[in-house]
Amino acid sequence: MRNPRNERVSSDIDSASPERTCILSGETAARDELLRLAISPDGLVLPDVHARAPGRGAWIGVSREALEKALAKGKLKGALARAFKGAPLSIPDDLADRIEQALIRALTERLGLELKSGKLLMGSDRIAQNAREGRVEWLGHSADASEDGSRKLDQAWRVGSEAEGSGLKGTRLPLDRETLSVALGRDNVVHLALTDRGAANRVASLLQRLLHFQGQATSERHAAGMVDDNGQADAAPVTTN
């Protein structure tokens, strides 16, 4: 039997994510909302999206624009020198590009894992049916998806979620159909849906960081489609360029 979307289930209760401080802004946030930088064996500063690299790390939570300004003014170099206790390091000129590509890769790899586990749906008809039956926890549209097709699936999701009139809508991804198709090994991937709440939040967490770094989201949690403790998917739209 489907669990009502406004009832909390035990799997929603997660331990709090440890907090870290951004070396550029000085602001503190959960580590899942920040990006870790690490040093390679040859001293190159690189993104460590999953925070698994050994040794000391430095955390940033700023947009690409802010990072590039900090790099140009030497602020990033000074902040990294302090974070890594004066260890020899080299900051690549294309660090911002490397970070964005690493975030995109992490997101598409996660989508691929959810596909393999059977929690990711593709195809308008299949998504619409599951959405109307209340089985969809997260809905996404490629950057170049048609407004009409997206609107129809959004409406099906609202109906199945008993959220008509709420403004609930799918997330406009910062990835086009070609990128999604290549990443997932399928043809013409335009719309995506997740049927598991945990999977929805795993994807939304990665998407949140990508959108924030790109400077596209006015409210990252809402834009990414995070599912709250009551099983409600946040519905604010994404601002895309």
Foldseek 3Di string as FASTA:
>chain_A
DDDQLQAFDPVLDDDFADWDAALQPRDIDRQLQKWKWDADPVAEIATDRVPPDDDFIHIHRAALVVVLVCVVVVVVVVSVCVRNVNDRHDYDNCRLVRVLVVLVLVLLVLQLVCVVVVFKDFDLVVLLVCLLCLQFLAKEFELPADPVSQVSSQVSNCNSNVNPPPQAGHAHAPHHQVVNCVSNVHPRGTMMTGRDLVSLQVSLSSRLNSCRRNVWAPDSQLNSQHQDSSNRTRGDYIGDD
